[in-house]
Structure formats: C-alpha cells, structure tokens
C-alpha cells in the first residue's frame, strides 16, 4: 500500500454491484414474473444462470443485453420465454436501488475527493443510477463513452486521460469496486491503487458477477461503502 487515504484526489467507482444493488434488482423482477406465472424461483440459481448467460460471445451492452439473457434463462427457471418479459427485466434497471449505505457514503466522500463513475452500463441506465445515488459524481464514464467495457484496459486509459486533462495522474486515484474480475484484478495490472468493497462477504460465491481466474488481494478492503467512508473520516482526522 503506497498511499494513505487522505493522499488521493480522486475516487473512481464501479457502479453496478458496488453502489447499485443489481443482484437484488434482478431477483426482484424475476420473482415478480414468476409470481404472475404462479411459480417461484431460487434467487441464487437465477444469478448463477444470469452470470453464465451474460458472459457469452454474443452479449450486447448492459443492461440492453438483459432481453437476450432473459430469453436464455427463462426456460431453466420455469418462466415464460416471452420477449416482453425480457424487455421488462431490462427496463427494471430504471428502478434498481442503491445499497442502503451508498448515497450517504458518497456524499461524505465527496467532501474530500472528486468522485468519478466508471460503469459498464449504457448512459441511459446510468442516468437512473446517478439520480438514485444523489448525483454525487464529478465526472462519469459509461460503455457508450469509452466504446468498451471493463476489464478492457482501454476503459481505464480513457479515464486516465481525463484525469490528466485536469492536471493529475492515475497515482492520484483510488479505484473502488466490488468486482474482482472487472475491476480489482485489472486495476492491479495497471498499477492503480484499489479498494475492494466485498458486498457478498456474507454469501457464498460470486453471485451475478463472473468469477476471476485468480483472486487479487486489494490495497484496501471493506465490506461496505459506509466502512470506507468511516475509514476516510478517521484518516483525515489524523492527517
């Protein structure tokens, strides 16, 4: 760990899974569809099937891809394989909730850092996520802005170029994320200081997020955004 928390100028954030509870949103929507079909689903099974279907060669950008994903997993969950339900799953992203601690923690962190969103979601979906989180971001980068998705290094390089345009460098960034696959591993390879928010610390497996080929020990590790905000406040008090 090369820098203390008060030394960073920017916090960059993964959004879906770190700040927005996409797993809860997916399970809620699928459970509602199941109830209308007089059926039930196992939430963790649904996430596992989602993960397998999502990461395929013919995947579209997120969350548009949820239409295709739904049609792929519906038969395995005993749900009606109707295109309208796929659209319903996609559109459910508009009402996904932030984790209970996300908005408050971001508001606290914004007092000391410039907050930058880095999301694989499309811009239309991010507009709803940003509003849900209280519009805390200094800047935001989506799959539409970068033309790619994490863990592609090109996504990060786009952000680095923006930071450089403001007179700073990636050494001034602490990258905050829950996904080992999309964020923590690649940020280490790019020599970026990272912070793992282990949202699934009380649950087994990787849920709806693809499992990494290998685990990356993060520079900072918390199980909630609230814990990160508390650590920042304590560190600044002693700085």
Protein backbone atom coordinates (compact mmCIF):
# COMPACT_ATOMS: atom_id res chain seq x y z
CA UNK A 1 0.00 0.00 0.00
CA UNK A 2 1.83 3.07 -1.26
CA UNK A 3 -0.50 5.90 -0.21
CA UNK A 4 -2.72 6.73 2.73
CA UNK A 5 -6.38 7.56 2.15
CA UNK A 6 -6.03 11.34 2.55
CA UNK A 7 -3.37 11.49 -0.18
CA UNK A 8 -5.73 10.61 -3.03
CA UNK A 9 -7.50 13.31 -5.02
CA UNK A 10 -9.94 11.10 -6.93
CA UNK A 11 -12.08 8.10 -6.08
CA UNK A 12 -13.20 6.18 -9.17
CA UNK A 13 -16.14 3.84 -8.74
CA UNK A 14 -17.60 0.79 -10.31
CA UNK A 15 -21.34 1.44 -10.09
CA UNK A 16 -23.41 -1.70 -10.74
CA UNK A 17 -22.74 -4.11 -7.90
CA UNK A 18 -20.69 -1.67 -5.84
CA UNK A 19 -23.16 1.19 -5.43
CA UNK A 20 -26.31 -0.15 -7.13
CA UNK A 21 -27.76 -3.48 -5.95
CA UNK A 22 -28.17 -5.09 -9.36
CA UNK A 23 -28.46 -8.59 -7.92
CA UNK A 24 -31.38 -7.51 -5.78
CA UNK A 25 -32.94 -5.77 -8.76
CA UNK A 26 -32.64 -8.83 -10.97
CA UNK A 27 -34.03 -11.20 -8.36
CA UNK A 28 -36.95 -8.91 -7.56
CA UNK A 29 -38.00 -8.57 -11.19
CA UNK A 30 -37.64 -12.31 -11.92
CA UNK A 31 -39.59 -13.18 -8.76
CA UNK A 32 -42.42 -10.86 -9.85
CA UNK A 33 -42.56 -12.51 -13.27
CA UNK A 34 -42.56 -15.92 -11.60
CA UNK A 35 -45.39 -14.94 -9.25
CA UNK A 36 -47.52 -13.83 -12.18
CA UNK A 37 -46.89 -17.25 -13.74
CA UNK A 38 -47.92 -18.94 -10.47
CA UNK A 39 -44.34 -20.10 -9.93
CA UNK A 40 -41.31 -19.41 -7.74
CA UNK A 41 -37.59 -19.07 -8.39
CA UNK A 42 -34.43 -19.63 -6.39
CA UNK A 43 -32.65 -16.28 -6.34
CA UNK A 44 -29.10 -17.64 -6.20
CA UNK A 45 -29.84 -20.10 -9.01
CA UNK A 46 -31.17 -17.23 -11.07
CA UNK A 47 -27.97 -15.24 -10.50
CA UNK A 48 -25.84 -18.23 -11.47
CA UNK A 49 -27.80 -18.70 -14.70
CA UNK A 50 -27.63 -14.98 -15.37
CA UNK A 51 -23.85 -15.00 -14.95
CA UNK A 52 -23.45 -17.89 -17.39
CA UNK A 53 -25.73 -16.31 -19.97
CA UNK A 54 -24.40 -12.77 -19.61
CA UNK A 55 -20.81 -13.55 -20.39
CA UNK A 56 -21.21 -15.04 -23.86
CA UNK A 57 -19.69 -14.14 -27.22
CA UNK A 58 -22.93 -12.63 -28.50
CA UNK A 59 -23.53 -10.40 -25.46
CA UNK A 60 -24.82 -6.88 -26.03
CA UNK A 61 -24.08 -3.83 -23.91
CA UNK A 62 -25.58 -3.77 -20.42
CA UNK A 63 -28.43 -3.57 -19.50
CA UNK A 64 -29.81 -3.89 -23.05
CA UNK A 65 -28.41 -7.42 -23.03
CA UNK A 66 -30.91 -8.43 -20.33
CA UNK A 67 -33.51 -9.10 -23.05
CA UNK A 68 -31.29 -11.79 -24.56
CA UNK A 69 -30.26 -13.07 -21.15
CA UNK A 70 -33.86 -13.45 -20.00
CA UNK A 71 -34.81 -15.49 -23.06
CA UNK A 72 -31.80 -17.75 -22.41
CA UNK A 73 -32.50 -18.39 -18.72
CA UNK A 74 -36.32 -18.33 -18.61
CA UNK A 75 -36.81 -21.99 -19.62
CA UNK A 76 -34.33 -23.13 -16.96
CA UNK A 77 -36.21 -21.16 -14.31
CA UNK A 78 -39.64 -22.31 -15.46
CA UNK A 79 -40.57 -18.80 -16.60
CA UNK A 80 -42.42 -17.81 -19.79
CA UNK A 81 -39.92 -17.28 -22.61
CA UNK A 82 -41.64 -14.19 -23.96
CA UNK A 83 -39.76 -11.20 -25.36
CA UNK A 84 -41.91 -8.76 -23.36
CA UNK A 85 -40.57 -10.20 -20.11
CA UNK A 86 -37.02 -9.74 -21.35
CA UNK A 87 -37.81 -6.09 -22.00
CA UNK A 88 -39.32 -5.88 -18.54
CA UNK A 89 -36.11 -7.23 -17.00
CA UNK A 90 -34.06 -4.72 -18.99
CA UNK A 91 -36.31 -1.83 -18.02
CA UNK A 92 -36.23 -2.85 -14.35
CA UNK A 93 -32.77 -1.24 -14.27
CA UNK A 94 -34.57 2.11 -14.13
CA UNK A 95 -35.80 1.29 -10.62
CA UNK A 96 -32.84 -0.61 -9.17
CA UNK A 97 -31.95 0.65 -5.73
CA UNK A 98 -28.64 1.72 -4.33
CA UNK A 99 -27.29 -0.27 -1.42
CA UNK A 100 -28.59 1.29 1.83
CA UNK A 101 -25.22 2.89 2.56
CA UNK A 102 -24.28 4.06 -0.95
CA UNK A 103 -25.76 7.56 -1.24
CA UNK A 104 -24.80 8.68 2.26
CA UNK A 105 -21.26 7.33 1.91
CA UNK A 106 -20.78 9.03 -1.45
CA UNK A 107 -21.98 12.34 -0.02
CA UNK A 108 -19.41 12.05 2.75
CA UNK A 109 -16.60 11.07 0.40
CA UNK A 110 -17.38 13.94 -1.97
CA UNK A 111 -16.25 16.35 0.74
CA UNK A 112 -12.65 15.16 0.32
CA UNK A 113 -12.38 13.78 -3.22
CA UNK A 114 -13.56 14.17 -6.78
CA UNK A 115 -15.81 11.18 -7.44
CA UNK A 116 -15.74 9.59 -10.89
CA UNK A 117 -18.12 6.86 -12.05
CA UNK A 118 -16.81 4.05 -14.27
CA UNK A 119 -19.66 1.78 -15.34
CA UNK A 120 -20.14 -0.91 -17.97
CA UNK A 121 -23.78 0.19 -18.15
CA UNK A 122 -25.04 2.32 -21.00
CA UNK A 123 -25.55 6.03 -20.48
CA UNK A 124 -29.37 5.75 -20.40
CA UNK A 125 -29.22 3.38 -17.45
CA UNK A 126 -26.52 5.32 -15.64
CA UNK A 127 -28.79 8.38 -15.67
CA UNK A 128 -31.19 6.49 -13.38
CA UNK A 129 -28.37 5.09 -11.21
CA UNK A 130 -26.82 8.53 -10.75
CA UNK A 131 -30.14 10.02 -9.66
CA UNK A 132 -30.70 7.14 -7.23
CA UNK A 133 -27.28 7.84 -5.71
CA UNK A 134 -27.90 11.56 -5.26
CA UNK A 135 -25.94 12.86 -8.28
CA UNK A 136 -22.58 12.80 -6.45
CA UNK A 137 -20.17 12.47 -9.38
CA UNK A 138 -17.62 14.96 -10.63
CA UNK A 139 -17.46 13.00 -13.92
CA UNK A 140 -18.81 9.74 -15.31
CA UNK A 141 -17.74 7.24 -17.95
CA UNK A 142 -20.07 4.60 -19.40
CA UNK A 143 -19.75 1.90 -22.04
CA UNK A 144 -21.17 4.41 -24.52
CA UNK A 145 -18.45 6.93 -23.68
CA UNK A 146 -15.50 4.55 -23.82
CA UNK A 147 -16.68 2.17 -26.55
CA UNK A 148 -15.68 -0.78 -24.42
CA UNK A 149 -16.29 -2.50 -21.07
CA UNK A 150 -14.11 -3.23 -18.08
CA UNK A 151 -11.85 -5.16 -17.66
CA UNK A 152 -10.61 -3.82 -21.01
CA UNK A 153 -7.61 -1.59 -20.14
CA UNK A 154 -8.85 0.88 -22.74
CA UNK A 155 -11.74 1.80 -20.44
CA UNK A 156 -9.30 2.76 -17.70
CA UNK A 157 -7.00 4.58 -20.12
CA UNK A 158 -9.90 6.82 -21.14
CA UNK A 159 -10.36 7.79 -17.51
CA UNK A 160 -6.63 8.30 -17.01
CA UNK A 161 -6.61 10.70 -19.96
CA UNK A 162 -9.44 12.68 -18.39
CA UNK A 163 -7.63 12.86 -15.05
CA UNK A 164 -4.50 14.03 -16.87
CA UNK A 165 -6.55 16.79 -18.54
CA UNK A 166 -7.24 18.11 -15.03
CA UNK A 167 -3.55 18.13 -14.20
CA UNK A 168 -3.36 14.88 -12.24
CA UNK A 169 -2.35 11.25 -12.82
CA UNK A 170 -3.50 7.75 -12.02
CA UNK A 171 -1.31 7.93 -8.91
CA UNK A 172 -3.92 10.33 -7.52
CA UNK A 173 -6.71 7.75 -7.94
CA UNK A 174 -8.12 5.14 -5.58
CA UNK A 175 -10.32 2.78 -7.60
CA UNK A 176 -13.27 1.43 -5.60
CA UNK A 177 -15.17 -1.66 -6.76
CA UNK A 178 -16.76 -4.96 -5.78
CA UNK A 179 -15.86 -7.00 -8.87
CA UNK A 180 -12.61 -8.88 -8.71
CA UNK A 181 -13.00 -9.77 -12.39
CA UNK A 182 -13.99 -6.40 -13.86
CA UNK A 183 -12.03 -4.04 -11.62
CA UNK A 184 -9.71 -5.25 -8.89
CA UNK A 185 -7.55 -7.57 -11.00
CA UNK A 186 -7.12 -5.23 -13.95
CA UNK A 187 -6.54 -2.19 -11.73
CA UNK A 188 -3.63 -4.03 -10.14
CA UNK A 189 -2.18 -4.84 -13.57
CA UNK A 190 -2.46 -1.16 -14.47
CA UNK A 191 -0.62 -0.24 -11.24
CA UNK A 192 -3.67 1.57 -9.90
CA UNK A 193 -4.30 1.59 -6.14
CA UNK A 194 -7.57 -0.21 -5.48
CA UNK A 195 -10.19 -0.72 -2.81
CA UNK A 196 -12.36 -3.84 -2.77
CA UNK A 197 -15.90 -3.43 -1.44
CA UNK A 198 -16.80 -7.04 -0.69
CA UNK A 199 -20.58 -6.74 -0.97
CA UNK A 200 -21.11 -10.52 -0.87
CA UNK A 201 -18.99 -11.09 2.25
CA UNK A 202 -21.87 -12.88 3.99
CA UNK A 203 -22.75 -15.04 0.96
CA UNK A 204 -21.02 -17.81 -0.92
CA UNK A 205 -19.74 -17.49 -4.45
CA UNK A 206 -19.67 -14.57 -6.86
CA UNK A 207 -23.42 -14.25 -7.45
CA UNK A 208 -24.14 -12.43 -10.69
CA UNK A 209 -20.51 -11.40 -11.29
CA UNK A 210 -18.12 -13.58 -13.27
CA UNK A 211 -15.53 -15.39 -11.17
CA UNK A 212 -11.95 -14.20 -11.74
CA UNK A 213 -9.26 -16.58 -12.93
CA UNK A 214 -7.36 -15.67 -9.78
CA UNK A 215 -8.06 -13.65 -6.67
CA UNK A 216 -6.31 -10.29 -6.31
CA UNK A 217 -5.51 -9.09 -2.80
CA UNK A 218 -6.64 -5.44 -2.77
CA UNK A 219 -4.75 -2.47 -1.35
CA UNK A 220 -7.79 -1.56 0.75
CA UNK A 221 -10.63 -3.90 1.72
CA UNK A 222 -14.02 -3.09 3.23
CA UNK A 223 -17.35 -4.89 3.27
CA UNK A 224 -19.44 -1.74 2.80
CA UNK A 225 -19.25 1.79 1.50
CA UNK A 226 -20.07 3.02 4.98
CA UNK A 227 -16.89 1.37 6.27
CA UNK A 228 -14.84 3.09 3.57
CA UNK A 229 -16.38 6.47 4.45
CA UNK A 230 -15.66 5.88 8.15
CA UNK A 231 -12.04 4.95 7.38
CA UNK A 232 -11.60 8.08 5.28
CA UNK A 233 -13.05 10.29 8.03
CA UNK A 234 -10.75 8.72 10.62
CA UNK A 235 -7.71 9.02 8.37
CA UNK A 236 -8.37 12.69 7.58
CA UNK A 237 -8.85 13.43 11.26
CA UNK A 238 -5.31 12.18 11.91
CA UNK A 239 -3.71 13.54 8.74
